[in-house]
Full PDB file with SEQRES, HELIX, SHEET, SSBOND, CRYST1, ORIGX, SCALE, CONECT and MASTER records, all heavy atoms in Angstrom:
SEQRES   1 A   42  ASP ARG ASN GLY ASN GLY ILE TRP VAL SER ALA THR SER          
SEQRES   2 A   42  ALA THR ALA ASP ALA ALA ILE GLY LYS CYS ALA MET ASN          
SEQRES   3 A   42  CYS ALA PRO GLY LEU SER PRO ASP GLY SER VAL VAL TYR          
SEQRES   4 A   42  VAL GLY MET                                                  
HELIX    1 AA1 ALA A   11  THR A   15  1                                   5    
SHEET    1 AA1 2 GLY A  30  LEU A  31  0                                        
SHEET    2 AA1 2 VAL A  38  TYR A  39 -1                                        
CRYST1    1.000    1.000    1.000  90.00  90.00  90.00 P 1           1          
ORIGX1      1.000000  0.000000  0.000000        0.00000                         
ORIGX2      0.000000  1.000000  0.000000        0.00000                         
ORIGX3      0.000000  0.000000  1.000000        0.00000                         
SCALE1      1.000000  0.000000  0.000000        0.00000                         
SCALE2      0.000000  1.000000  0.000000        0.00000                         
SCALE3      0.000000  0.000000  1.000000        0.00000                         
ATOM      1  N   ASP A   1      25.871   4.540  12.725  1.00  0.00           N  
ATOM      2  CA  ASP A   1      26.630   3.504  12.220  1.00  0.00           C  
ATOM      3  C   ASP A   1      28.046   3.438  12.947  1.00  0.00           C  
ATOM      4  O   ASP A   1      28.331   4.265  13.825  1.00  0.00           O  
ATOM      5  CB  ASP A   1      26.827   3.580  10.648  1.00  0.00           C  
ATOM      6  CG  ASP A   1      27.631   4.790  10.214  1.00  0.00           C  
ATOM      7  OD1 ASP A   1      28.368   5.381  11.050  1.00  0.00           O  
ATOM      8  OD2 ASP A   1      27.402   5.203   8.950  1.00  0.00           O  
ATOM      9  N   ARG A   2      28.921   2.553  12.509  1.00  0.00           N  
ATOM     10  CA  ARG A   2      30.168   2.280  13.164  1.00  0.00           C  
ATOM     11  C   ARG A   2      31.137   3.535  13.028  1.00  0.00           C  
ATOM     12  O   ARG A   2      32.064   3.757  13.880  1.00  0.00           O  
ATOM     13  CB  ARG A   2      30.920   1.128  12.608  1.00  0.00           C  
ATOM     14  CG  ARG A   2      30.202  -0.189  12.974  1.00  0.00           C  
ATOM     15  CD  ARG A   2      30.691  -1.356  12.117  1.00  0.00           C  
ATOM     16  NE  ARG A   2      32.238  -1.378  12.266  1.00  0.00           N  
ATOM     17  CZ  ARG A   2      32.993  -2.319  11.595  1.00  0.00           C  
ATOM     18  NH1 ARG A   2      32.314  -3.095  10.795  1.00  0.00           N  
ATOM     19  NH2 ARG A   2      34.253  -2.402  11.744  1.00  0.00           N  
ATOM     20  N   ASN A   3      30.841   4.477  12.162  1.00  0.00           N  
ATOM     21  CA  ASN A   3      31.648   5.667  11.874  1.00  0.00           C  
ATOM     22  C   ASN A   3      31.149   6.849  12.536  1.00  0.00           C  
ATOM     23  O   ASN A   3      31.687   8.004  12.371  1.00  0.00           O  
ATOM     24  CB  ASN A   3      31.883   5.921  10.395  1.00  0.00           C  
ATOM     25  CG  ASN A   3      32.564   4.711   9.662  1.00  0.00           C  
ATOM     26  OD1 ASN A   3      33.575   4.168  10.143  1.00  0.00           O  
ATOM     27  ND2 ASN A   3      32.020   4.287   8.550  1.00  0.00           N  
ATOM     28  N   GLY A   4      30.051   6.694  13.277  1.00  0.00           N  
ATOM     29  CA  GLY A   4      29.418   7.895  13.964  1.00  0.00           C  
ATOM     30  C   GLY A   4      28.471   8.666  13.224  1.00  0.00           C  
ATOM     31  O   GLY A   4      28.020   9.640  13.641  1.00  0.00           O  
ATOM     32  N   ASN A   5      28.151   8.144  12.035  1.00  0.00           N  
ATOM     33  CA  ASN A   5      27.031   8.885  11.246  1.00  0.00           C  
ATOM     34  C   ASN A   5      25.636   8.503  11.728  1.00  0.00           C  
ATOM     35  O   ASN A   5      25.501   7.248  11.982  1.00  0.00           O  
ATOM     36  CB  ASN A   5      27.173   8.510   9.703  1.00  0.00           C  
ATOM     37  CG  ASN A   5      28.518   8.809   9.263  1.00  0.00           C  
ATOM     38  OD1 ASN A   5      29.046   9.906   9.338  1.00  0.00           O  
ATOM     39  ND2 ASN A   5      29.215   7.683   8.558  1.00  0.00           N  
ATOM     40  N   GLY A   6      24.816   9.297  11.825  1.00  0.00           N  
ATOM     41  CA  GLY A   6      23.525   9.078  12.443  1.00  0.00           C  
ATOM     42  C   GLY A   6      22.296   9.583  11.696  1.00  0.00           C  
ATOM     43  O   GLY A   6      22.360  10.523  10.801  1.00  0.00           O  
ATOM     44  N   ILE A   7      21.191   8.989  11.920  1.00  0.00           N  
ATOM     45  CA  ILE A   7      19.851   9.498  11.502  1.00  0.00           C  
ATOM     46  C   ILE A   7      18.898   9.279  12.619  1.00  0.00           C  
ATOM     47  O   ILE A   7      19.186   8.651  13.624  1.00  0.00           O  
ATOM     48  CB  ILE A   7      19.368   8.663  10.179  1.00  0.00           C  
ATOM     49  CG1 ILE A   7      19.183   7.164  10.550  1.00  0.00           C  
ATOM     50  CG2 ILE A   7      20.216   8.869   9.015  1.00  0.00           C  
ATOM     51  CD1 ILE A   7      18.591   6.362   9.426  1.00  0.00           C  
ATOM     52  N   TRP A   8      17.794   9.945  12.507  1.00  0.00           N  
ATOM     53  CA  TRP A   8      16.717   9.844  13.561  1.00  0.00           C  
ATOM     54  C   TRP A   8      15.328   9.970  12.987  1.00  0.00           C  
ATOM     55  O   TRP A   8      15.130  10.460  11.880  1.00  0.00           O  
ATOM     56  CB  TRP A   8      16.999  10.865  14.602  1.00  0.00           C  
ATOM     57  CG  TRP A   8      16.865  12.249  14.211  1.00  0.00           C  
ATOM     58  CD1 TRP A   8      17.852  12.930  13.587  1.00  0.00           C  
ATOM     59  CD2 TRP A   8      15.746  13.130  14.305  1.00  0.00           C  
ATOM     60  NE1 TRP A   8      17.350  14.244  13.279  1.00  0.00           N  
ATOM     61  CE2 TRP A   8      16.087  14.425  13.621  1.00  0.00           C  
ATOM     62  CE3 TRP A   8      14.463  12.903  14.831  1.00  0.00           C  
ATOM     63  CZ2 TRP A   8      15.225  15.444  13.566  1.00  0.00           C  
ATOM     64  CZ3 TRP A   8      13.535  14.001  14.692  1.00  0.00           C  
ATOM     65  CH2 TRP A   8      13.992  15.241  14.103  1.00  0.00           C  
ATOM     66  N   VAL A   9      14.351   9.511  13.821  1.00  0.00           N  
ATOM     67  CA  VAL A   9      12.984   9.652  13.438  1.00  0.00           C  
ATOM     68  C   VAL A   9      12.149   9.982  14.736  1.00  0.00           C  
ATOM     69  O   VAL A   9      12.493   9.428  15.749  1.00  0.00           O  
ATOM     70  CB  VAL A   9      12.405   8.366  12.747  1.00  0.00           C  
ATOM     71  CG1 VAL A   9      12.324   7.181  13.702  1.00  0.00           C  
ATOM     72  CG2 VAL A   9      11.037   8.689  12.239  1.00  0.00           C  
ATOM     73  N   SER A  10      11.299  11.006  14.561  1.00  0.00           N  
ATOM     74  CA  SER A  10      10.510  11.329  15.736  1.00  0.00           C  
ATOM     75  C   SER A  10       9.433  10.251  16.085  1.00  0.00           C  
ATOM     76  O   SER A  10       9.031   9.569  15.108  1.00  0.00           O  
ATOM     77  CB  SER A  10       9.807  12.669  15.556  1.00  0.00           C  
ATOM     78  OG  SER A  10       8.723  12.561  14.605  1.00  0.00           O  
ATOM     79  N   ALA A  11       9.133  10.144  17.299  1.00  0.00           N  
ATOM     80  CA  ALA A  11       8.044   9.193  17.601  1.00  0.00           C  
ATOM     81  C   ALA A  11       6.779   9.511  17.016  1.00  0.00           C  
ATOM     82  O   ALA A  11       5.950   8.643  16.625  1.00  0.00           O  
ATOM     83  CB  ALA A  11       7.966   9.194  19.168  1.00  0.00           C  
ATOM     84  N   THR A  12       6.454  10.785  16.832  1.00  0.00           N  
ATOM     85  CA  THR A  12       5.179  11.271  16.240  1.00  0.00           C  
ATOM     86  C   THR A  12       5.162  10.803  14.775  1.00  0.00           C  
ATOM     87  O   THR A  12       4.133  10.312  14.333  1.00  0.00           O  
ATOM     88  CB  THR A  12       5.051  12.821  16.264  1.00  0.00           C  
ATOM     89  OG1 THR A  12       5.117  13.255  17.626  1.00  0.00           O  
ATOM     90  CG2 THR A  12       3.881  13.293  15.637  1.00  0.00           C  
ATOM     91  N   SER A  13       6.325  10.973  14.030  1.00  0.00           N  
ATOM     92  CA  SER A  13       6.370  10.537  12.595  1.00  0.00           C  
ATOM     93  C   SER A  13       6.254   9.049  12.519  1.00  0.00           C  
ATOM     94  O   SER A  13       5.620   8.495  11.644  1.00  0.00           O  
ATOM     95  CB  SER A  13       7.580  11.127  11.923  1.00  0.00           C  
ATOM     96  OG  SER A  13       7.499  12.468  11.956  1.00  0.00           O  
ATOM     97  N   ALA A  14       7.016   8.376  13.378  1.00  0.00           N  
ATOM     98  CA  ALA A  14       7.095   6.870  13.277  1.00  0.00           C  
ATOM     99  C   ALA A  14       5.651   6.228  13.461  1.00  0.00           C  
ATOM    100  O   ALA A  14       5.420   5.229  12.890  1.00  0.00           O  
ATOM    101  CB  ALA A  14       8.090   6.284  14.321  1.00  0.00           C  
ATOM    102  N   THR A  15       4.914   6.814  14.301  1.00  0.00           N  
ATOM    103  CA  THR A  15       3.651   6.212  14.612  1.00  0.00           C  
ATOM    104  C   THR A  15       2.450   6.948  13.774  1.00  0.00           C  
ATOM    105  O   THR A  15       1.274   6.460  13.782  1.00  0.00           O  
ATOM    106  CB  THR A  15       3.248   6.413  16.092  1.00  0.00           C  
ATOM    107  OG1 THR A  15       3.310   7.795  16.460  1.00  0.00           O  
ATOM    108  CG2 THR A  15       4.255   5.561  16.971  1.00  0.00           C  
ATOM    109  N   ALA A  16       2.770   8.054  13.145  1.00  0.00           N  
ATOM    110  CA  ALA A  16       1.735   8.838  12.438  1.00  0.00           C  
ATOM    111  C   ALA A  16       0.592   9.255  13.388  1.00  0.00           C  
ATOM    112  O   ALA A  16      -0.531   9.232  13.049  1.00  0.00           O  
ATOM    113  CB  ALA A  16       1.221   8.117  11.187  1.00  0.00           C  
ATOM    114  N   ASP A  17       1.033   9.581  14.694  1.00  0.00           N  
ATOM    115  CA  ASP A  17      -0.043   9.876  15.691  1.00  0.00           C  
ATOM    116  C   ASP A  17       0.567  10.981  16.469  1.00  0.00           C  
ATOM    117  O   ASP A  17       1.584  10.995  17.146  1.00  0.00           O  
ATOM    118  CB  ASP A  17      -0.195   8.678  16.636  1.00  0.00           C  
ATOM    119  CG  ASP A  17      -1.359   8.944  17.584  1.00  0.00           C  
ATOM    120  OD1 ASP A  17      -1.687   9.987  17.845  1.00  0.00           O  
ATOM    121  OD2 ASP A  17      -1.933   7.943  18.068  1.00  0.00           O  
ATOM    122  N   ALA A  18      -0.115  12.237  16.319  1.00  0.00           N  
ATOM    123  CA  ALA A  18       0.372  13.405  16.972  1.00  0.00           C  
ATOM    124  C   ALA A  18       0.371  13.315  18.548  1.00  0.00           C  
ATOM    125  O   ALA A  18       1.065  14.118  19.229  1.00  0.00           O  
ATOM    126  CB  ALA A  18      -0.491  14.551  16.666  1.00  0.00           C  
ATOM    127  N   ALA A  19      -0.343  12.326  19.069  1.00  0.00           N  
ATOM    128  CA  ALA A  19      -0.421  12.125  20.601  1.00  0.00           C  
ATOM    129  C   ALA A  19       0.827  11.320  21.116  1.00  0.00           C  
ATOM    130  O   ALA A  19       1.003  11.311  22.340  1.00  0.00           O  
ATOM    131  CB  ALA A  19      -1.673  11.477  20.978  1.00  0.00           C  
ATOM    132  N   ILE A  20       1.619  10.845  20.243  1.00  0.00           N  
ATOM    133  CA  ILE A  20       2.720  10.057  20.701  1.00  0.00           C  
ATOM    134  C   ILE A  20       4.052  10.878  20.560  1.00  0.00           C  
ATOM    135  O   ILE A  20       4.299  11.497  19.568  1.00  0.00           O  
ATOM    136  CB  ILE A  20       2.969   8.826  19.692  1.00  0.00           C  
ATOM    137  CG1 ILE A  20       1.672   7.970  19.749  1.00  0.00           C  
ATOM    138  CG2 ILE A  20       4.133   8.038  20.190  1.00  0.00           C  
ATOM    139  CD1 ILE A  20       1.272   7.471  21.213  1.00  0.00           C  
ATOM    140  N   GLY A  21       4.781  10.972  21.664  1.00  0.00           N  
ATOM    141  CA  GLY A  21       5.875  11.945  21.776  1.00  0.00           C  
ATOM    142  C   GLY A  21       7.157  11.480  22.106  1.00  0.00           C  
ATOM    143  O   GLY A  21       8.238  12.169  22.104  1.00  0.00           O  
ATOM    144  N   LYS A  22       7.306  10.034  22.354  1.00  0.00           N  
ATOM    145  CA  LYS A  22       8.737   9.613  22.755  1.00  0.00           C  
ATOM    146  C   LYS A  22       8.756   8.140  22.709  1.00  0.00           C  
ATOM    147  O   LYS A  22       7.776   7.444  22.737  1.00  0.00           O  
ATOM    148  CB  LYS A  22       9.080  10.042  24.156  1.00  0.00           C  
ATOM    149  CG  LYS A  22       8.171   9.483  25.299  1.00  0.00           C  
ATOM    150  CD  LYS A  22       8.575  10.048  26.648  1.00  0.00           C  
ATOM    151  CE  LYS A  22       7.700   9.471  27.730  1.00  0.00           C  
ATOM    152  NZ  LYS A  22       8.007  10.040  29.108  1.00  0.00           N  
ATOM    153  N   CYS A  23       9.958   7.600  22.679  1.00  0.00           N  
ATOM    154  CA  CYS A  23      10.244   6.116  22.972  1.00  0.00           C  
ATOM    155  C   CYS A  23       9.906   5.924  24.475  1.00  0.00           C  
ATOM    156  O   CYS A  23      10.205   6.686  25.242  1.00  0.00           O  
ATOM    157  CB  CYS A  23      11.638   5.750  22.563  1.00  0.00           C  
ATOM    158  SG  CYS A  23      12.064   5.757  20.836  1.00  0.00           S  
ATOM    159  N   ALA A  24       9.314   4.766  24.693  1.00  0.00           N  
ATOM    160  CA  ALA A  24       8.990   4.464  26.115  1.00  0.00           C  
ATOM    161  C   ALA A  24      10.307   4.406  26.806  1.00  0.00           C  
ATOM    162  O   ALA A  24      11.383   3.928  26.474  1.00  0.00           O  
ATOM    163  CB  ALA A  24       8.314   3.132  26.222  1.00  0.00           C  
ATOM    164  N   MET A  25      10.202   4.971  28.116  1.00  0.00           N  
ATOM    165  CA  MET A  25      11.410   5.011  28.988  1.00  0.00           C  
ATOM    166  C   MET A  25      11.978   3.616  29.260  1.00  0.00           C  
ATOM    167  O   MET A  25      11.213   2.693  29.427  1.00  0.00           O  
ATOM    168  CB  MET A  25      11.047   5.739  30.292  1.00  0.00           C  
ATOM    169  CG  MET A  25      12.178   6.199  31.123  1.00  0.00           C  
ATOM    170  SD  MET A  25      12.917   7.743  30.420  1.00  0.00           S  
ATOM    171  CE  MET A  25      11.534   8.899  30.924  1.00  0.00           C  
ATOM    172  N   ASN A  26      13.336   3.549  29.152  1.00  0.00           N  
ATOM    173  CA  ASN A  26      14.085   2.283  29.414  1.00  0.00           C  
ATOM    174  C   ASN A  26      13.694   1.230  28.378  1.00  0.00           C  
ATOM    175  O   ASN A  26      14.117  -0.051  28.615  1.00  0.00           O  
ATOM    176  CB  ASN A  26      13.692   1.771  30.825  1.00  0.00           C  
ATOM    177  CG  ASN A  26      14.025   2.707  31.866  1.00  0.00           C  
ATOM    178  OD1 ASN A  26      15.102   3.295  31.995  1.00  0.00           O  
ATOM    179  ND2 ASN A  26      13.051   2.970  32.718  1.00  0.00           N  
ATOM    180  N   CYS A  27      13.068   1.473  27.284  1.00  0.00           N  
ATOM    181  CA  CYS A  27      12.720   0.426  26.332  1.00  0.00           C  
ATOM    182  C   CYS A  27      13.848   0.240  25.338  1.00  0.00           C  
ATOM    183  O   CYS A  27      14.049   1.034  24.319  1.00  0.00           O  
ATOM    184  CB  CYS A  27      11.408   0.808  25.597  1.00  0.00           C  
ATOM    185  SG  CYS A  27      10.872  -0.324  24.401  1.00  0.00           S  
ATOM    186  N   ALA A  28      14.664  -0.742  25.515  1.00  0.00           N  
ATOM    187  CA  ALA A  28      15.792  -1.037  24.643  1.00  0.00           C  
ATOM    188  C   ALA A  28      15.279  -1.593  23.337  1.00  0.00           C  
ATOM    189  O   ALA A  28      14.554  -2.468  23.204  1.00  0.00           O  
ATOM    190  CB  ALA A  28      16.674  -2.115  25.240  1.00  0.00           C  
ATOM    191  N   PRO A  29      15.570  -0.841  22.211  1.00  0.00           N  
ATOM    192  CA  PRO A  29      15.195  -1.305  20.931  1.00  0.00           C  
ATOM    193  C   PRO A  29      15.608  -2.719  20.583  1.00  0.00           C  
ATOM    194  O   PRO A  29      16.785  -3.112  21.007  1.00  0.00           O  
ATOM    195  CB  PRO A  29      15.909  -0.313  19.925  1.00  0.00           C  
ATOM    196  CG  PRO A  29      16.124   0.913  20.691  1.00  0.00           C  
ATOM    197  CD  PRO A  29      16.462   0.431  22.082  1.00  0.00           C  
ATOM    198  N   GLY A  30      14.880  -3.541  19.869  1.00  0.00           N  
ATOM    199  CA  GLY A  30      15.220  -4.893  19.623  1.00  0.00           C  
ATOM    200  C   GLY A  30      15.217  -5.146  18.119  1.00  0.00           C  
ATOM    201  O   GLY A  30      14.430  -4.492  17.415  1.00  0.00           O  
ATOM    202  N   LEU A  31      16.097  -6.005  17.603  1.00  0.00           N  
ATOM    203  CA  LEU A  31      16.279  -6.309  16.227  1.00  0.00           C  
ATOM    204  C   LEU A  31      15.650  -7.663  15.831  1.00  0.00           C  
ATOM    205  O   LEU A  31      15.687  -8.664  16.565  1.00  0.00           O  
ATOM    206  CB  LEU A  31      17.718  -6.265  15.846  1.00  0.00           C  
ATOM    207  CG  LEU A  31      18.409  -4.957  15.557  1.00  0.00           C  
ATOM    208  CD1 LEU A  31      17.883  -4.256  14.303  1.00  0.00           C  
ATOM    209  CD2 LEU A  31      18.404  -3.957  16.703  1.00  0.00           C  
ATOM    210  N   SER A  32      15.101  -7.679  14.644  1.00  0.00           N  
ATOM    211  CA  SER A  32      14.680  -9.027  14.084  1.00  0.00           C  
ATOM    212  C   SER A  32      15.854  -9.908  13.898  1.00  0.00           C  
ATOM    213  O   SER A  32      17.013  -9.415  13.825  1.00  0.00           O  
ATOM    214  CB  SER A  32      13.910  -8.799  12.749  1.00  0.00           C  
ATOM    215  OG  SER A  32      14.812  -8.150  11.819  1.00  0.00           O  
ATOM    216  N   PRO A  33      15.651 -11.243  13.854  1.00  0.00           N  
ATOM    217  CA  PRO A  33      16.796 -12.070  13.633  1.00  0.00           C  
ATOM    218  C   PRO A  33      17.656 -11.799  12.535  1.00  0.00           C  
ATOM    219  O   PRO A  33      18.834 -12.065  12.496  1.00  0.00           O  
ATOM    220  CB  PRO A  33      16.153 -13.522  13.509  1.00  0.00           C  
ATOM    221  CG  PRO A  33      14.821 -13.332  14.252  1.00  0.00           C  
ATOM    222  CD  PRO A  33      14.343 -11.987  13.976  1.00  0.00           C  
ATOM    223  N   ASP A  34      17.145 -11.287  11.416  1.00  0.00           N  
ATOM    224  CA  ASP A  34      17.968 -10.915  10.221  1.00  0.00           C  
ATOM    225  C   ASP A  34      18.459  -9.502  10.355  1.00  0.00           C  
ATOM    226  O   ASP A  34      19.145  -9.081   9.367  1.00  0.00           O  
ATOM    227  CB  ASP A  34      17.239 -11.264   8.915  1.00  0.00           C  
ATOM    228  CG  ASP A  34      16.100 -10.295   8.738  1.00  0.00           C  
ATOM    229  OD1 ASP A  34      15.754  -9.451   9.554  1.00  0.00           O  
ATOM    230  OD2 ASP A  34      15.441 -10.541   7.754  1.00  0.00           O  
ATOM    231  N   GLY A  35      18.109  -8.775  11.370  1.00  0.00           N  
ATOM    232  CA  GLY A  35      18.560  -7.431  11.421  1.00  0.00           C  
ATOM    233  C   GLY A  35      17.942  -6.417  10.719  1.00  0.00           C  
ATOM    234  O   GLY A  35      18.315  -5.215  10.709  1.00  0.00           O  
ATOM    235  N   SER A  36      16.839  -6.686   9.914  1.00  0.00           N  
ATOM    236  CA  SER A  36      16.326  -5.814   8.973  1.00  0.00           C  
ATOM    237  C   SER A  36      15.291  -4.911   9.686  1.00  0.00           C  
ATOM    238  O   SER A  36      14.868  -3.807   9.092  1.00  0.00           O  
ATOM    239  CB  SER A  36      15.699  -6.510   7.803  1.00  0.00           C  
ATOM    240  OG  SER A  36      14.651  -7.303   8.218  1.00  0.00           O  
ATOM    241  N   VAL A  37      14.708  -5.218  10.828  1.00  0.00           N  
ATOM    242  CA  VAL A  37      13.611  -4.560  11.435  1.00  0.00           C  
ATOM    243  C   VAL A  37      14.105  -4.172  12.900  1.00  0.00           C  
ATOM    244  O   VAL A  37      14.608  -5.086  13.538  1.00  0.00           O  
ATOM    245  CB  VAL A  37      12.337  -5.288  11.542  1.00  0.00           C  
ATOM    246  CG1 VAL A  37      11.267  -4.410  12.059  1.00  0.00           C  
ATOM    247  CG2 VAL A  37      11.912  -5.778  10.058  1.00  0.00           C  
ATOM    248  N   VAL A  38      13.857  -2.959  13.287  1.00  0.00           N  
ATOM    249  CA  VAL A  38      14.071  -2.504  14.633  1.00  0.00           C  
ATOM    250  C   VAL A  38      12.758  -2.270  15.333  1.00  0.00           C  
ATOM    251  O   VAL A  38      11.983  -1.422  14.718  1.00  0.00           O  
ATOM    252  CB  VAL A  38      15.135  -1.351  14.800  1.00  0.00           C  
ATOM    253  CG1 VAL A  38      14.648  -0.098  14.068  1.00  0.00           C  
ATOM    254  CG2 VAL A  38      15.266  -1.045  16.254  1.00  0.00           C  
ATOM    255  N   TYR A  39      12.497  -2.922  16.438  1.00  0.00           N  
ATOM    256  CA  TYR A  39      11.228  -2.739  17.182  1.00  0.00           C  
ATOM    257  C   TYR A  39      11.514  -1.993  18.415  1.00  0.00           C  
ATOM    258  O   TYR A  39      12.483  -2.108  19.135  1.00  0.00           O  
ATOM    259  CB  TYR A  39      10.595  -4.216  17.613  1.00  0.00           C  
ATOM    260  CG  TYR A  39      10.317  -5.099  16.471  1.00  0.00           C  
ATOM    261  CD1 TYR A  39      11.291  -6.048  15.875  1.00  0.00           C  
ATOM    262  CD2 TYR A  39       9.070  -5.042  15.796  1.00  0.00           C  
ATOM    263  CE1 TYR A  39      10.951  -6.888  14.927  1.00  0.00           C  
ATOM    264  CE2 TYR A  39       8.780  -5.903  14.742  1.00  0.00           C  
ATOM    265  CZ  TYR A  39       9.763  -6.773  14.319  1.00  0.00           C  
ATOM    266  OH  TYR A  39       9.468  -7.643  13.205  1.00  0.00           O  
ATOM    267  N   VAL A  40      10.526  -1.102  18.748  1.00  0.00           N  
ATOM    268  CA  VAL A  40      10.595  -0.368  19.955  1.00  0.00           C  
ATOM    269  C   VAL A  40       9.239   0.164  20.361  1.00  0.00           C  
ATOM    270  O   VAL A  40       8.260   0.295  19.536  1.00  0.00           O  
ATOM    271  CB  VAL A  40      11.543   0.921  19.710  1.00  0.00           C  
ATOM    272  CG1 VAL A  40      10.821   1.969  18.858  1.00  0.00           C  
ATOM    273  CG2 VAL A  40      11.996   1.525  21.140  1.00  0.00           C  
ATOM    274  N   GLY A  41       8.951   0.327  21.692  1.00  0.00           N  
ATOM    275  CA  GLY A  41       7.713   0.894  22.192  1.00  0.00           C  
ATOM    276  C   GLY A  41       7.783   2.418  22.122  1.00  0.00           C  
ATOM    277  O   GLY A  41       8.778   3.067  22.451  1.00  0.00           O  
ATOM    278  N   MET A  42       6.640   3.062  21.791  1.00  0.00           N  
ATOM    279  CA  MET A  42       6.492   4.511  21.733  1.00  0.00           C  
ATOM    280  C   MET A  42       5.207   4.876  22.465  1.00  0.00           C  
ATOM    281  O   MET A  42       4.176   4.254  22.188  1.00  0.00           O  
ATOM    282  CB  MET A  42       6.604   5.006  20.337  1.00  0.00           C  
ATOM    283  CG  MET A  42       7.958   4.857  19.641  1.00  0.00           C  
ATOM    284  SD  MET A  42       7.943   5.531  17.999  1.00  0.00           S  
ATOM    285  CE  MET A  42       9.756   5.465  17.683  1.00  0.00           C  
TER     286      MET A  42                                                      
MASTER        0    0    0    1    2    0    0    6  285    1    0    4          
END                                                                             
């Protein structure tokens, strides 16, 4: 957030797939028009 507070999620947990290990290289996360959803490739 703007104050420097952070959270994170592992790619394995986000996909519920033990074979998935990272966000795709150079894949800039994208936001839905209302900002409620963040999309990314893993």
